[in-house]
């Protein structure tokens, strides 16, 4: 497509059809409205595509997507997007049941993640943290008041790309499962070879995100980092200009949360905070530097 003024498009057929691999590695040509780069992003915002909604379903979002152009032909670039939401829709259709039920049965229950779900139960409400957002003046404002949070209500839209509420304890169990080759405390969620495949770089031509990305998302600013099937993956630590190891994998959340897993060091790290946007402060790079600087002896 070629874009002119905001909201006007001239479209043409992509060079090739979208494939499952494009959704898994964010090379689908889809986007997020919060990127705020192009008229396509503006169209997403106008239609509220990709937003965690209380009154519209995932099926409604998929229907809205069918009327929007792609940012680029699938496979031509990397752009953080609603690709994972589309994957969630496909999982639900294939399983023949709602996505939240699939996630609960296949991931949360086996791993004992009792405090994780798409809404906060009444008995958990006093533990829900407030979320803050930066202001144009340089200060902070309350973005999500835990006493009136939408997370206190079950959403109509259960998203594959976001919307779960969890705790540090639960998320650490999830990360330990990944670190231990797909199993934790006798419960196997994934096969070791599946983890190995997921954490390999799948970007076209072996490129990194720095050279292929069109995204304005803070996690995508790294040279020497590729993208697997759901994770960013360190390919060349020297090019990242950060301490770490080849093969460590990671990602972060919109409220500046962050996790990474380093199999070589037998280490999983999670960092929880509640500050939007994730680019407000470069805490992630500092955190990695501090953690690796504290490692004196090699993992046994």
Protein backbone atom coordinates (compact mmCIF):
# COMPACT_ATOMS: atom_id res chain seq x y z
CA UNK A 1 0.00 0.00 0.00
CA UNK A 2 0.92 3.63 -0.23
CA UNK A 3 -0.30 6.01 2.46
CA UNK A 4 -1.20 9.64 1.98
CA UNK A 5 -3.08 11.70 4.53
CA UNK A 6 -4.09 10.01 7.75
CA UNK A 7 -6.82 7.47 7.17
CA UNK A 8 -6.52 7.32 3.36
CA UNK A 9 -4.92 4.34 1.65
CA UNK A 10 -4.18 2.96 -1.76
CA UNK A 11 -3.76 -0.78 -1.36
CA UNK A 12 -2.18 -3.50 -3.42
CA UNK A 13 -1.74 -7.21 -2.93
CA UNK A 14 1.21 -8.23 -0.74
CA UNK A 15 4.18 -9.99 -2.30
CA UNK A 16 3.18 -13.23 -0.58
CA UNK A 17 0.38 -14.37 1.73
CA UNK A 18 0.77 -14.19 5.49
CA UNK A 19 2.01 -17.43 7.08
CA UNK A 20 1.90 -18.74 10.65
CA UNK A 21 5.62 -18.03 11.04
CA UNK A 22 4.94 -14.35 10.31
CA UNK A 23 2.52 -14.18 13.23
CA UNK A 24 4.91 -15.97 15.58
CA UNK A 25 7.89 -13.72 14.79
CA UNK A 26 6.00 -10.41 14.19
CA UNK A 27 6.75 -10.14 10.47
CA UNK A 28 3.05 -10.31 9.52
CA UNK A 29 2.59 -6.69 8.43
CA UNK A 30 0.16 -6.07 11.29
CA UNK A 31 0.75 -3.31 13.85
CA UNK A 32 -0.46 -1.70 17.09
CA UNK A 33 -2.27 1.62 17.28
CA UNK A 34 0.08 2.92 19.98
CA UNK A 35 3.01 2.84 17.56
CA UNK A 36 1.74 6.19 16.18
CA UNK A 37 3.94 6.11 13.09
CA UNK A 38 1.67 5.64 10.09
CA UNK A 39 -1.91 6.06 8.86
CA UNK A 40 -2.36 2.33 9.44
CA UNK A 41 -1.58 2.84 13.14
CA UNK A 42 -4.14 5.67 13.17
CA UNK A 43 -6.76 3.39 11.65
CA UNK A 44 -6.11 0.83 14.40
CA UNK A 45 -6.65 3.54 17.03
CA UNK A 46 -9.83 4.76 15.36
CA UNK A 47 -11.25 1.23 15.41
CA UNK A 48 -9.71 0.37 18.83
CA UNK A 49 -7.99 -2.64 17.28
CA UNK A 50 -5.58 -4.28 19.70
CA UNK A 51 -6.91 -2.58 22.82
CA UNK A 52 -7.98 -4.66 25.80
CA UNK A 53 -11.72 -4.16 25.53
CA UNK A 54 -14.55 -4.84 27.98
CA UNK A 55 -17.35 -4.65 25.45
CA UNK A 56 -16.01 -6.19 22.23
CA UNK A 57 -14.70 -9.68 21.60
CA UNK A 58 -11.57 -11.09 20.01
CA UNK A 59 -13.78 -12.13 17.09
CA UNK A 60 -14.81 -8.48 16.70
CA UNK A 61 -11.14 -7.47 16.55
CA UNK A 62 -10.37 -10.08 13.89
CA UNK A 63 -13.33 -8.83 11.84
CA UNK A 64 -12.05 -5.25 12.11
CA UNK A 65 -8.58 -6.34 10.97
CA UNK A 66 -9.97 -7.74 7.73
CA UNK A 67 -10.90 -4.22 6.63
CA UNK A 68 -7.47 -2.70 7.29
CA UNK A 69 -4.34 -2.72 5.10
CA UNK A 70 -1.03 -4.21 6.15
CA UNK A 71 1.95 -2.06 7.10
CA UNK A 72 4.12 -4.08 4.68
CA UNK A 73 4.16 -7.37 2.82
CA UNK A 74 4.51 -10.33 5.21
CA UNK A 75 8.14 -11.25 5.80
CA UNK A 76 9.50 -7.91 4.59
CA UNK A 77 10.09 -6.34 8.01
CA UNK A 78 9.62 -6.76 11.77
CA UNK A 79 6.97 -4.79 13.62
CA UNK A 80 5.56 -5.45 17.08
CA UNK A 81 1.87 -6.03 16.55
CA UNK A 82 -1.43 -7.75 17.26
CA UNK A 83 0.02 -10.90 15.68
CA UNK A 84 -0.14 -12.66 19.05
CA UNK A 85 -3.82 -11.73 19.39
CA UNK A 86 -4.46 -13.40 16.04
CA UNK A 87 -2.58 -16.47 17.28
CA UNK A 88 -4.81 -16.51 20.36
CA UNK A 89 -7.86 -16.46 18.10
CA UNK A 90 -6.47 -19.40 16.10
CA UNK A 91 -5.70 -21.37 19.26
CA UNK A 92 -9.28 -20.88 20.44
CA UNK A 93 -10.72 -21.98 17.11
CA UNK A 94 -8.46 -25.05 16.88
CA UNK A 95 -9.13 -26.08 20.49
CA UNK A 96 -12.85 -25.45 20.15
CA UNK A 97 -13.07 -23.55 23.43
CA UNK A 98 -12.43 -20.02 24.76
CA UNK A 99 -8.80 -18.96 24.90
CA UNK A 100 -8.84 -18.34 28.66
CA UNK A 101 -9.95 -21.94 29.22
CA UNK A 102 -7.15 -23.26 27.00
CA UNK A 103 -4.54 -21.19 28.84
CA UNK A 104 -5.88 -22.26 32.24
CA UNK A 105 -5.97 -25.96 31.35
CA UNK A 106 -2.66 -26.22 29.50
CA UNK A 107 -0.43 -23.69 31.28
CA UNK A 108 -1.76 -22.16 34.48
CA UNK A 109 -3.13 -25.26 36.19
CA UNK A 110 -0.17 -27.56 35.42
CA UNK A 111 2.29 -24.92 36.65
CA UNK A 112 0.31 -24.05 39.77
CA UNK A 113 -0.11 -20.42 38.70
CA UNK A 114 -3.08 -19.80 41.01
CA UNK A 115 -2.88 -16.00 40.94
CA UNK A 116 -2.90 -15.59 37.16
CA UNK A 117 -5.96 -14.87 35.03
CA UNK A 118 -7.72 -12.35 32.82
CA UNK A 119 -9.44 -10.70 35.79
CA UNK A 120 -8.83 -10.24 39.50
CA UNK A 121 -11.11 -12.21 41.81
CA UNK A 122 -12.74 -10.38 44.75
CA UNK A 123 -10.47 -12.22 47.20
CA UNK A 124 -7.41 -10.93 45.29
CA UNK A 125 -8.54 -7.32 44.81
CA UNK A 126 -6.64 -5.91 47.79
CA UNK A 127 -3.37 -7.09 46.19
CA UNK A 128 -3.88 -5.39 42.81
CA UNK A 129 -1.16 -2.79 42.21
CA UNK A 130 -1.76 0.69 40.85
CA UNK A 131 -0.31 1.59 37.46
CA UNK A 132 1.16 4.98 36.58
CA UNK A 133 1.83 6.87 33.37
CA UNK A 134 4.26 9.65 32.55
CA UNK A 135 2.86 13.10 31.84
CA UNK A 136 3.98 15.68 29.25
CA UNK A 137 5.22 17.83 32.14
CA UNK A 138 7.62 15.10 33.24
CA UNK A 139 5.66 13.82 36.21
CA UNK A 140 3.49 10.79 36.84
CA UNK A 141 -0.27 10.29 36.87
CA UNK A 142 -2.41 7.40 38.04
CA UNK A 143 -3.23 5.34 34.95
CA UNK A 144 -5.11 2.45 36.57
CA UNK A 145 -6.64 2.83 40.02
CA UNK A 146 -6.80 -0.64 41.63
CA UNK A 147 -10.08 0.28 43.36
CA UNK A 148 -11.78 0.91 40.00
CA UNK A 149 -9.60 -1.08 37.63
CA UNK A 150 -11.16 -2.74 34.58
CA UNK A 151 -9.21 -5.85 35.61
CA UNK A 152 -11.75 -6.32 38.41
CA UNK A 153 -14.27 -7.31 35.73
CA UNK A 154 -14.06 -10.24 33.34
CA UNK A 155 -13.37 -8.76 29.88
CA UNK A 156 -15.40 -9.74 26.86
CA UNK A 157 -12.18 -9.76 24.84
CA UNK A 158 -9.69 -12.36 26.02
CA UNK A 159 -6.50 -11.43 24.22
CA UNK A 160 -3.64 -13.61 23.06
CA UNK A 161 -1.28 -10.65 23.27
CA UNK A 162 -1.99 -9.18 26.69
CA UNK A 163 -4.42 -8.74 29.55
CA UNK A 164 -3.33 -11.42 32.00
CA UNK A 165 -2.94 -10.31 35.62
CA UNK A 166 -0.30 -12.15 37.63
CA UNK A 167 2.20 -12.04 40.49
CA UNK A 168 5.98 -12.22 40.65
CA UNK A 169 5.68 -15.70 42.19
CA UNK A 170 3.48 -17.04 39.39
CA UNK A 171 5.51 -15.49 36.62
CA UNK A 172 8.72 -16.87 38.06
CA UNK A 173 7.17 -20.35 37.89
CA UNK A 174 6.45 -19.77 34.19
CA UNK A 175 10.02 -18.62 33.57
CA UNK A 176 11.46 -21.56 35.51
CA UNK A 177 9.47 -23.89 33.26
CA UNK A 178 11.12 -22.33 30.21
CA UNK A 179 14.56 -22.45 31.84
CA UNK A 180 14.12 -26.14 32.64
CA UNK A 181 13.29 -27.21 29.12
CA UNK A 182 9.50 -27.00 29.34
CA UNK A 183 8.79 -28.68 32.68
CA UNK A 184 8.45 -27.70 36.32
CA UNK A 185 7.87 -29.83 39.41
CA UNK A 186 6.95 -32.84 37.32
CA UNK A 187 4.51 -31.02 35.04
CA UNK A 188 5.60 -30.87 31.41
CA UNK A 189 4.17 -28.05 29.30
CA UNK A 190 6.56 -28.09 26.33
CA UNK A 191 9.17 -30.46 24.92
CA UNK A 192 12.85 -29.42 25.17
CA UNK A 193 13.15 -29.32 21.38
CA UNK A 194 10.14 -27.01 21.21
CA UNK A 195 11.90 -24.57 23.56
CA UNK A 196 15.02 -24.87 21.44
CA UNK A 197 13.06 -24.03 18.30
CA UNK A 198 11.22 -21.15 19.95
CA UNK A 199 14.44 -19.53 21.14
CA UNK A 200 16.28 -19.67 17.80
CA UNK A 201 16.37 -16.56 15.60
CA UNK A 202 13.67 -16.87 12.93
CA UNK A 203 14.00 -13.46 11.28
CA UNK A 204 14.41 -13.65 7.47
CA UNK A 205 18.00 -14.04 6.33
CA UNK A 206 19.27 -14.35 9.90
CA UNK A 207 18.91 -10.57 10.37
CA UNK A 208 18.55 -8.86 13.73
CA UNK A 209 15.72 -6.61 14.91
CA UNK A 210 17.87 -3.51 14.60
CA UNK A 211 18.19 -3.96 10.82
CA UNK A 212 14.68 -5.32 10.15
CA UNK A 213 12.49 -3.42 12.62
CA UNK A 214 10.00 -0.70 11.75
CA UNK A 215 8.62 -0.68 15.27
CA UNK A 216 8.66 2.25 17.67
CA UNK A 217 8.58 -0.16 20.61
CA UNK A 218 11.35 0.11 23.19
CA UNK A 219 12.21 -3.59 23.22
CA UNK A 220 13.17 -3.52 19.53
CA UNK A 221 16.13 -1.12 19.76
CA UNK A 222 18.80 -3.78 20.14
CA UNK A 223 21.48 -4.58 17.60
CA UNK A 224 22.65 -8.18 17.77
CA UNK A 225 19.21 -9.40 18.88
CA UNK A 226 16.98 -11.60 16.77
CA UNK A 227 13.45 -12.82 17.32
CA UNK A 228 12.25 -16.35 17.84
CA UNK A 229 8.74 -17.73 18.24
CA UNK A 230 7.57 -15.36 20.95
CA UNK A 231 10.85 -14.08 22.39
CA UNK A 232 13.69 -11.77 21.49
CA UNK A 233 16.92 -13.79 21.34
CA UNK A 234 20.50 -12.58 21.82
CA UNK A 235 22.53 -13.53 18.75
CA UNK A 236 25.70 -11.50 19.23
CA UNK A 237 26.39 -10.10 22.73
CA UNK A 238 29.18 -7.86 21.44
CA UNK A 239 26.79 -6.04 19.10
CA UNK A 240 24.23 -5.51 21.86
CA UNK A 241 26.82 -3.61 23.94
CA UNK A 242 25.32 -5.38 26.95
CA UNK A 243 26.51 -8.15 29.21
CA UNK A 244 24.83 -11.45 28.47
CA UNK A 245 25.19 -14.68 26.56
CA UNK A 246 24.39 -15.91 23.11
CA UNK A 247 21.03 -17.65 23.31
CA UNK A 248 19.53 -15.77 26.26
CA UNK A 249 15.95 -14.78 25.49
CA UNK A 250 13.63 -12.11 26.84
CA UNK A 251 10.74 -9.71 26.43
CA UNK A 252 9.01 -6.93 28.33
CA UNK A 253 5.60 -5.44 29.00
CA UNK A 254 4.03 -2.07 28.34
CA UNK A 255 4.25 -1.11 32.04
CA UNK A 256 8.07 -1.47 31.96
CA UNK A 257 8.05 -5.05 33.27
CA UNK A 258 10.83 -7.28 32.00
CA UNK A 259 12.05 -10.84 32.10
CA UNK A 260 14.94 -12.73 30.62
CA UNK A 261 16.20 -16.28 30.75
CA UNK A 262 19.84 -17.25 30.36
CA UNK A 263 20.26 -21.04 30.06
CA UNK A 264 24.07 -20.77 30.13
CA UNK A 265 23.95 -19.15 33.58
CA UNK A 266 20.98 -21.29 34.71
CA UNK A 267 19.24 -18.02 35.48
CA UNK A 268 15.77 -16.52 35.15
CA UNK A 269 15.20 -12.86 36.03
CA UNK A 270 11.88 -11.05 36.36
CA UNK A 271 11.42 -7.35 37.05
CA UNK A 272 7.99 -6.03 38.01
CA UNK A 273 7.00 -2.38 37.95
CA UNK A 274 3.94 -0.39 36.90
CA UNK A 275 5.02 2.53 34.71
CA UNK A 276 3.71 3.30 31.20
CA UNK A 277 5.24 3.60 28.63
CA UNK A 278 8.05 1.07 28.72
CA UNK A 279 10.36 3.64 27.14
CA UNK A 280 9.94 6.04 30.10
CA UNK A 281 13.22 4.94 31.64
CA UNK A 282 15.92 2.62 30.29
CA UNK A 283 15.79 0.42 33.38
CA UNK A 284 16.06 -2.82 31.42
CA UNK A 285 19.54 -2.19 30.11
CA UNK A 286 20.69 -1.05 33.56
CA UNK A 287 19.12 -4.10 35.19
CA UNK A 288 20.94 -6.51 32.88
CA UNK A 289 24.23 -4.73 33.53
CA UNK A 290 23.76 -4.87 37.32
CA UNK A 291 22.77 -8.55 37.35
CA UNK A 292 25.60 -9.79 35.13
CA UNK A 293 28.13 -7.63 37.00
CA UNK A 294 27.13 -9.48 40.18
CA UNK A 295 27.85 -12.94 38.70
CA UNK A 296 31.33 -13.88 39.95
CA UNK A 297 31.46 -17.62 39.45
CA UNK A 298 30.19 -19.62 36.46
CA UNK A 299 27.00 -21.65 36.79
CA UNK A 300 27.68 -25.19 37.98
